[in-house]
Amino acid sequence: MMPRQSLAEKYRAHNAEMRLALETGCTPIEARFELRRRSKGDRKARTGEAAAPQRLRDLPDERWMMRD
């Protein structure tokens, strides 16, 4: 389970969502998902994990017969 947020943390998160929504012209809910996506990307970058291609066909320089 996630630890409960304090009111200050909740208000800070809401403030960041609203600022991003105003800057980009999206809804606050879309801004919340964008902020979550960015924070996940930051965590992956800090741990040194590189994003692997999901399928072999995503590799651009492989021959057609090597694709699955």
PDB file of N, CA and C in Angstrom:
ATOM      1  N   MET A   1       0.827  -1.182   0.000  1.00  0.00           N
ATOM      2  CA  MET A   1       0.000   0.000   0.000  1.00  0.00           C
ATOM      3  C   MET A   1       0.873   1.248   0.000  1.00  0.00           C
ATOM      4  N   MET A   2       0.337   2.266  -0.589  1.00  0.00           N
ATOM      5  CA  MET A   2       1.048   3.537  -0.630  1.00  0.00           C
ATOM      6  C   MET A   2       0.843   4.277   0.689  1.00  0.00           C
ATOM      7  N   PRO A   3       1.873   4.957   1.182  1.00  0.00           N
ATOM      8  CA  PRO A   3       1.690   5.748   2.394  1.00  0.00           C
ATOM      9  C   PRO A   3       0.783   6.943   2.098  1.00  0.00           C
ATOM     10  N   ARG A   4       0.044   7.343   3.084  1.00  0.00           N
ATOM     11  CA  ARG A   4      -0.870   8.469   2.900  1.00  0.00           C
ATOM     12  C   ARG A   4      -0.088   9.766   2.758  1.00  0.00           C
ATOM     13  N   GLN A   5      -0.593  10.647   1.928  1.00  0.00           N
ATOM     14  CA  GLN A   5       0.049  11.937   1.724  1.00  0.00           C
ATOM     15  C   GLN A   5      -0.417  12.921   2.787  1.00  0.00           C
ATOM     16  N   SER A   6       0.458  13.836   3.139  1.00  0.00           N
ATOM     17  CA  SER A   6       0.031  14.927   4.005  1.00  0.00           C
ATOM     18  C   SER A   6      -0.716  15.942   3.141  1.00  0.00           C
ATOM     19  N   LEU A   7      -1.405  16.859   3.776  1.00  0.00           N
ATOM     20  CA  LEU A   7      -2.141  17.872   3.017  1.00  0.00           C
ATOM     21  C   LEU A   7      -1.193  18.724   2.184  1.00  0.00           C
ATOM     22  N   ALA A   8      -0.025  19.042   2.730  1.00  0.00           N
ATOM     23  CA  ALA A   8       0.932  19.866   1.990  1.00  0.00           C
ATOM     24  C   ALA A   8       1.398  19.155   0.723  1.00  0.00           C
ATOM     25  N   GLU A   9       1.672  17.845   0.819  1.00  0.00           N
ATOM     26  CA  GLU A   9       2.094  17.095  -0.367  1.00  0.00           C
ATOM     27  C   GLU A   9       0.979  17.039  -1.400  1.00  0.00           C
ATOM     28  N   LYS A  10      -0.239  16.868  -0.935  1.00  0.00           N
ATOM     29  CA  LYS A  10      -1.384  16.805  -1.839  1.00  0.00           C
ATOM     30  C   LYS A  10      -1.564  18.136  -2.572  1.00  0.00           C
ATOM     31  N   TYR A  11      -1.439  19.252  -1.826  1.00  0.00           N
ATOM     32  CA  TYR A  11      -1.588  20.570  -2.439  1.00  0.00           C
ATOM     33  C   TYR A  11      -0.438  20.876  -3.395  1.00  0.00           C
ATOM     34  N   ARG A  12       0.788  20.445  -3.056  1.00  0.00           N
ATOM     35  CA  ARG A  12       1.919  20.645  -3.965  1.00  0.00           C
ATOM     36  C   ARG A  12       1.710  19.894  -5.272  1.00  0.00           C
ATOM     37  N   ALA A  13       1.236  18.654  -5.178  1.00  0.00           N
ATOM     38  CA  ALA A  13       0.988  17.862  -6.381  1.00  0.00           C
ATOM     39  C   ALA A  13      -0.108  18.502  -7.224  1.00  0.00           C
ATOM     40  N   HIS A  14      -1.167  18.982  -6.568  1.00  0.00           N
ATOM     41  CA  HIS A  14      -2.259  19.621  -7.302  1.00  0.00           C
ATOM     42  C   HIS A  14      -1.780  20.906  -7.972  1.00  0.00           C
ATOM     43  N   ASN A  15      -0.939  21.660  -7.283  1.00  0.00           N
ATOM     44  CA  ASN A  15      -0.399  22.894  -7.844  1.00  0.00           C
ATOM     45  C   ASN A  15       0.441  22.599  -9.087  1.00  0.00           C
ATOM     46  N   ALA A  16       1.276  21.562  -9.017  1.00  0.00           N
ATOM     47  CA  ALA A  16       2.100  21.193 -10.175  1.00  0.00           C
ATOM     48  C   ALA A  16       1.224  20.746 -11.338  1.00  0.00           C
ATOM     49  N   GLU A  17       0.156  19.999 -11.044  1.00  0.00           N
ATOM     50  CA  GLU A  17      -0.760  19.559 -12.099  1.00  0.00           C
ATOM     51  C   GLU A  17      -1.424  20.752 -12.767  1.00  0.00           C
ATOM     52  N   MET A  18      -1.882  21.703 -11.974  1.00  0.00           N
ATOM     53  CA  MET A  18      -2.573  22.864 -12.535  1.00  0.00           C
ATOM     54  C   MET A  18      -1.618  23.733 -13.353  1.00  0.00           C
ATOM     55  N   ARG A  19      -0.377  23.917 -12.878  1.00  0.00           N
ATOM     56  CA  ARG A  19       0.583  24.705 -13.652  1.00  0.00           C
ATOM     57  C   ARG A  19       0.872  24.058 -14.999  1.00  0.00           C
ATOM     58  N   LEU A  20       1.065  22.728 -15.003  1.00  0.00           N
ATOM     59  CA  LEU A  20       1.324  22.030 -16.261  1.00  0.00           C
ATOM     60  C   LEU A  20       0.109  22.093 -17.177  1.00  0.00           C
ATOM     61  N   ALA A  21      -1.083  21.967 -16.615  1.00  0.00           N
ATOM     62  CA  ALA A  21      -2.303  22.031 -17.420  1.00  0.00           C
ATOM     63  C   ALA A  21      -2.448  23.405 -18.073  1.00  0.00           C
ATOM     64  N   LEU A  22      -2.137  24.452 -17.342  1.00  0.00           N
ATOM     65  CA  LEU A  22      -2.229  25.795 -17.910  1.00  0.00           C
ATOM     66  C   LEU A  22      -1.160  26.036 -18.971  1.00  0.00           C
ATOM     67  N   GLU A  23       0.034  25.497 -18.759  1.00  0.00           N
ATOM     68  CA  GLU A  23       1.115  25.684 -19.731  1.00  0.00           C
ATOM     69  C   GLU A  23       0.839  24.944 -21.033  1.00  0.00           C
ATOM     70  N   THR A  24       0.317  23.731 -20.929  1.00  0.00           N
ATOM     71  CA  THR A  24       0.151  22.899 -22.125  1.00  0.00           C
ATOM     72  C   THR A  24      -1.244  22.953 -22.716  1.00  0.00           C
ATOM     73  N   GLY A  25      -2.208  23.488 -21.983  1.00  0.00           N
ATOM     74  CA  GLY A  25      -3.567  23.570 -22.498  1.00  0.00           C
ATOM     75  C   GLY A  25      -4.317  22.250 -22.430  1.00  0.00           C
ATOM     76  N   CYS A  26      -3.951  21.394 -21.491  1.00  0.00           N
ATOM     77  CA  CYS A  26      -4.655  20.117 -21.336  1.00  0.00           C
ATOM     78  C   CYS A  26      -5.461  20.160 -20.037  1.00  0.00           C
ATOM     79  N   THR A  27      -6.140  19.084 -19.741  1.00  0.00           N
ATOM     80  CA  THR A  27      -6.908  19.012 -18.502  1.00  0.00           C
ATOM     81  C   THR A  27      -5.975  18.651 -17.345  1.00  0.00           C
ATOM     82  N   PRO A  28      -6.384  18.953 -16.117  1.00  0.00           N
ATOM     83  CA  PRO A  28      -5.544  18.583 -14.969  1.00  0.00           C
ATOM     84  C   PRO A  28      -5.323  17.080 -14.845  1.00  0.00           C
ATOM     85  N   ILE A  29      -6.292  16.282 -15.249  1.00  0.00           N
ATOM     86  CA  ILE A  29      -6.121  14.826 -15.177  1.00  0.00           C
ATOM     87  C   ILE A  29      -5.059  14.375 -16.170  1.00  0.00           C
ATOM     88  N   GLU A  30      -5.078  14.937 -17.382  1.00  0.00           N
ATOM     89  CA  GLU A  30      -4.034  14.611 -18.360  1.00  0.00           C
ATOM     90  C   GLU A  30      -2.671  15.071 -17.858  1.00  0.00           C
ATOM     91  N   ALA A  31      -2.638  16.220 -17.197  1.00  0.00           N
ATOM     92  CA  ALA A  31      -1.377  16.718 -16.637  1.00  0.00           C
ATOM     93  C   ALA A  31      -0.870  15.789 -15.539  1.00  0.00           C
ATOM     94  N   ARG A  32      -1.787  15.239 -14.739  1.00  0.00           N
ATOM     95  CA  ARG A  32      -1.389  14.298 -13.684  1.00  0.00           C
ATOM     96  C   ARG A  32      -0.731  13.066 -14.285  1.00  0.00           C
ATOM     97  N   PHE A  33      -1.327  12.519 -15.355  1.00  0.00           N
ATOM     98  CA  PHE A  33      -0.735  11.349 -16.002  1.00  0.00           C
ATOM     99  C   PHE A  33       0.614  11.684 -16.635  1.00  0.00           C
ATOM    100  N   GLU A  34       0.744  12.886 -17.191  1.00  0.00           N
ATOM    101  CA  GLU A  34       2.018  13.301 -17.781  1.00  0.00           C
ATOM    102  C   GLU A  34       3.096  13.433 -16.707  1.00  0.00           C
ATOM    103  N   LEU A  35       2.746  13.997 -15.564  1.00  0.00           N
ATOM    104  CA  LEU A  35       3.719  14.117 -14.474  1.00  0.00           C
ATOM    105  C   LEU A  35       4.133  12.750 -13.958  1.00  0.00           C
ATOM    106  N   ARG A  36       3.184  11.818 -13.879  1.00  0.00           N
ATOM    107  CA  ARG A  36       3.529  10.455 -13.458  1.00  0.00           C
ATOM    108  C   ARG A  36       4.450   9.794 -14.469  1.00  0.00           C
ATOM    109  N   ARG A  37       4.173  10.002 -15.754  1.00  0.00           N
ATOM    110  CA  ARG A  37       5.015   9.421 -16.803  1.00  0.00           C
ATOM    111  C   ARG A  37       6.430   9.982 -16.716  1.00  0.00           C
ATOM    112  N   ARG A  38       6.532  11.278 -16.492  1.00  0.00           N
ATOM    113  CA  ARG A  38       7.853  11.904 -16.376  1.00  0.00           C
ATOM    114  C   ARG A  38       8.614  11.387 -15.157  1.00  0.00           C
ATOM    115  N   SER A  39       7.913  11.218 -14.044  1.00  0.00           N
ATOM    116  CA  SER A  39       8.611  10.743 -12.843  1.00  0.00           C
ATOM    117  C   SER A  39       9.050   9.294 -13.007  1.00  0.00           C
ATOM    118  N   LYS A  40       8.267   8.482 -13.712  1.00  0.00           N
ATOM    119  CA  LYS A  40       8.691   7.111 -13.987  1.00  0.00           C
ATOM    120  C   LYS A  40       9.927   7.107 -14.873  1.00  0.00           C
ATOM    121  N   GLY A  41       9.971   8.004 -15.848  1.00  0.00           N
ATOM    122  CA  GLY A  41      11.136   8.104 -16.712  1.00  0.00           C
ATOM    123  C   GLY A  41      12.367   8.537 -15.952  1.00  0.00           C
ATOM    124  N   ASP A  42      12.193   9.452 -15.001  1.00  0.00           N
ATOM    125  CA  ASP A  42      13.321   9.894 -14.175  1.00  0.00           C
ATOM    126  C   ASP A  42      13.850   8.754 -13.324  1.00  0.00           C
ATOM    127  N   ARG A  43      12.949   7.939 -12.786  1.00  0.00           N
ATOM    128  CA  ARG A  43      13.392   6.815 -11.952  1.00  0.00           C
ATOM    129  C   ARG A  43      14.161   5.802 -12.782  1.00  0.00           C
ATOM    130  N   LYS A  44      13.701   5.535 -14.008  1.00  0.00           N
ATOM    131  CA  LYS A  44      14.412   4.583 -14.863  1.00  0.00           C
ATOM    132  C   LYS A  44      15.786   5.118 -15.236  1.00  0.00           C
ATOM    133  N   ALA A  45      15.870   6.425 -15.493  1.00  0.00           N
ATOM    134  CA  ALA A  45      17.151   7.017 -15.865  1.00  0.00           C
ATOM    135  C   ALA A  45      18.131   6.959 -14.692  1.00  0.00           C
ATOM    136  N   ARG A  46      17.627   7.149 -13.481  1.00  0.00           N
ATOM    137  CA  ARG A  46      18.504   7.111 -12.313  1.00  0.00           C
ATOM    138  C   ARG A  46      19.028   5.712 -12.041  1.00  0.00           C
ATOM    139  N   THR A  47      18.230   4.696 -12.340  1.00  0.00           N
ATOM    140  CA  THR A  47      18.679   3.328 -12.072  1.00  0.00           C
ATOM    141  C   THR A  47      19.539   2.790 -13.200  1.00  0.00           C
ATOM    142  N   GLY A  48      19.601   3.490 -14.320  1.00  0.00           N
ATOM    143  CA  GLY A  48      20.460   3.070 -15.419  1.00  0.00           C
ATOM    144  C   GLY A  48      19.833   2.048 -16.338  1.00  0.00           C
ATOM    145  N   GLU A  49      18.543   1.820 -16.211  1.00  0.00           N
ATOM    146  CA  GLU A  49      17.884   0.864 -17.084  1.00  0.00           C
ATOM    147  C   GLU A  49      17.605   1.518 -18.436  1.00  0.00           C
ATOM    148  N   ALA A  50      17.974   0.841 -19.481  1.00  0.00           N
ATOM    149  CA  ALA A  50      17.664   1.331 -20.818  1.00  0.00           C
ATOM    150  C   ALA A  50      16.386   0.658 -21.293  1.00  0.00           C
ATOM    151  N   ALA A  51      15.579   1.406 -22.001  1.00  0.00           N
ATOM    152  CA  ALA A  51      14.331   0.844 -22.510  1.00  0.00           C
ATOM    153  C   ALA A  51      14.647  -0.103 -23.662  1.00  0.00           C
ATOM    154  N   ALA A  52      14.317  -1.339 -23.485  1.00  0.00           N
ATOM    155  CA  ALA A  52      14.548  -2.344 -24.527  1.00  0.00           C
ATOM    156  C   ALA A  52      13.389  -2.318 -25.518  1.00  0.00           C
ATOM    157  N   PRO A  53      13.654  -2.634 -26.777  1.00  0.00           N
ATOM    158  CA  PRO A  53      12.546  -2.693 -27.729  1.00  0.00           C
ATOM    159  C   PRO A  53      11.562  -3.780 -27.323  1.00  0.00           C
ATOM    160  N   GLN A  54      10.301  -3.516 -27.542  1.00  0.00           N
ATOM    161  CA  GLN A  54       9.271  -4.469 -27.148  1.00  0.00           C
ATOM    162  C   GLN A  54       9.274  -5.704 -28.037  1.00  0.00           C
ATOM    163  N   ARG A  55       9.552  -5.513 -29.307  1.00  0.00           N
ATOM    164  CA  ARG A  55       9.563  -6.639 -30.245  1.00  0.00           C
ATOM    165  C   ARG A  55      10.806  -6.525 -31.109  1.00  0.00           C
ATOM    166  N   LEU A  56      11.186  -7.610 -31.714  1.00  0.00           N
ATOM    167  CA  LEU A  56      12.354  -7.572 -32.590  1.00  0.00           C
ATOM    168  C   LEU A  56      12.100  -6.711 -33.817  1.00  0.00           C
ATOM    169  N   ARG A  57      10.865  -6.642 -34.262  1.00  0.00           N
ATOM    170  CA  ARG A  57      10.601  -5.860 -35.474  1.00  0.00           C
ATOM    171  C   ARG A  57      10.756  -4.360 -35.240  1.00  0.00           C
ATOM    172  N   ASP A  58      10.885  -3.950 -33.979  1.00  0.00           N
ATOM    173  CA  ASP A  58      11.107  -2.542 -33.695  1.00  0.00           C
ATOM    174  C   ASP A  58      12.537  -2.110 -34.000  1.00  0.00           C
ATOM    175  N   LEU A  59      13.427  -3.063 -34.187  1.00  0.00           N
ATOM    176  CA  LEU A  59      14.797  -2.719 -34.541  1.00  0.00           C
ATOM    177  C   LEU A  59      14.845  -2.358 -36.023  1.00  0.00           C
ATOM    178  N   PRO A  60      15.362  -1.198 -36.390  1.00  0.00           N
ATOM    179  CA  PRO A  60      15.273  -0.734 -37.774  1.00  0.00           C
ATOM    180  C   PRO A  60      16.226  -1.417 -38.747  1.00  0.00           C
ATOM    181  N   ASP A  61      17.348  -1.960 -38.290  1.00  0.00           N
ATOM    182  CA  ASP A  61      18.360  -2.430 -39.228  1.00  0.00           C
ATOM    183  C   ASP A  61      18.394  -3.949 -39.379  1.00  0.00           C
ATOM    184  N   GLU A  62      17.342  -4.631 -39.039  1.00  0.00           N
ATOM    185  CA  GLU A  62      17.363  -6.081 -39.175  1.00  0.00           C
ATOM    186  C   GLU A  62      16.725  -6.511 -40.498  1.00  0.00           C
ATOM    187  N   ARG A  63      17.088  -7.651 -40.968  1.00  0.00           N
ATOM    188  CA  ARG A  63      16.558  -8.152 -42.227  1.00  0.00           C
ATOM    189  C   ARG A  63      15.143  -8.672 -42.028  1.00  0.00           C
ATOM    190  N   TRP A  64      14.392  -8.712 -43.103  1.00  0.00           N
ATOM    191  CA  TRP A  64      12.992  -9.123 -43.001  1.00  0.00           C
ATOM    192  C   TRP A  64      12.860 -10.560 -42.527  1.00  0.00           C
ATOM    193  N   MET A  65      13.813 -11.420 -42.887  1.00  0.00           N
ATOM    194  CA  MET A  65      13.686 -12.827 -42.509  1.00  0.00           C
ATOM    195  C   MET A  65      14.003 -13.061 -41.039  1.00  0.00           C
ATOM    196  N   MET A  66      14.635 -12.070 -40.379  1.00  0.00           N
ATOM    197  CA  MET A  66      14.985 -12.225 -38.980  1.00  0.00           C
ATOM    198  C   MET A  66      13.868 -11.745 -38.057  1.00  0.00           C
ATOM    199  N   ARG A  67      12.853 -11.147 -38.641  1.00  0.00           N
ATOM    200  CA  ARG A  67      11.743 -10.661 -37.818  1.00  0.00           C
ATOM    201  C   ARG A  67      10.838 -11.808 -37.433  1.00  0.00           C
ATOM    202  N   ASP A  68      10.158 -11.662 -36.329  1.00  0.00           N
ATOM    203  CA  ASP A  68       9.295 -12.753 -35.875  1.00  0.00           C
ATOM    204  C   ASP A  68       7.951 -12.787 -36.549  1.00  0.00           C
TER     205      ASP A  68
END
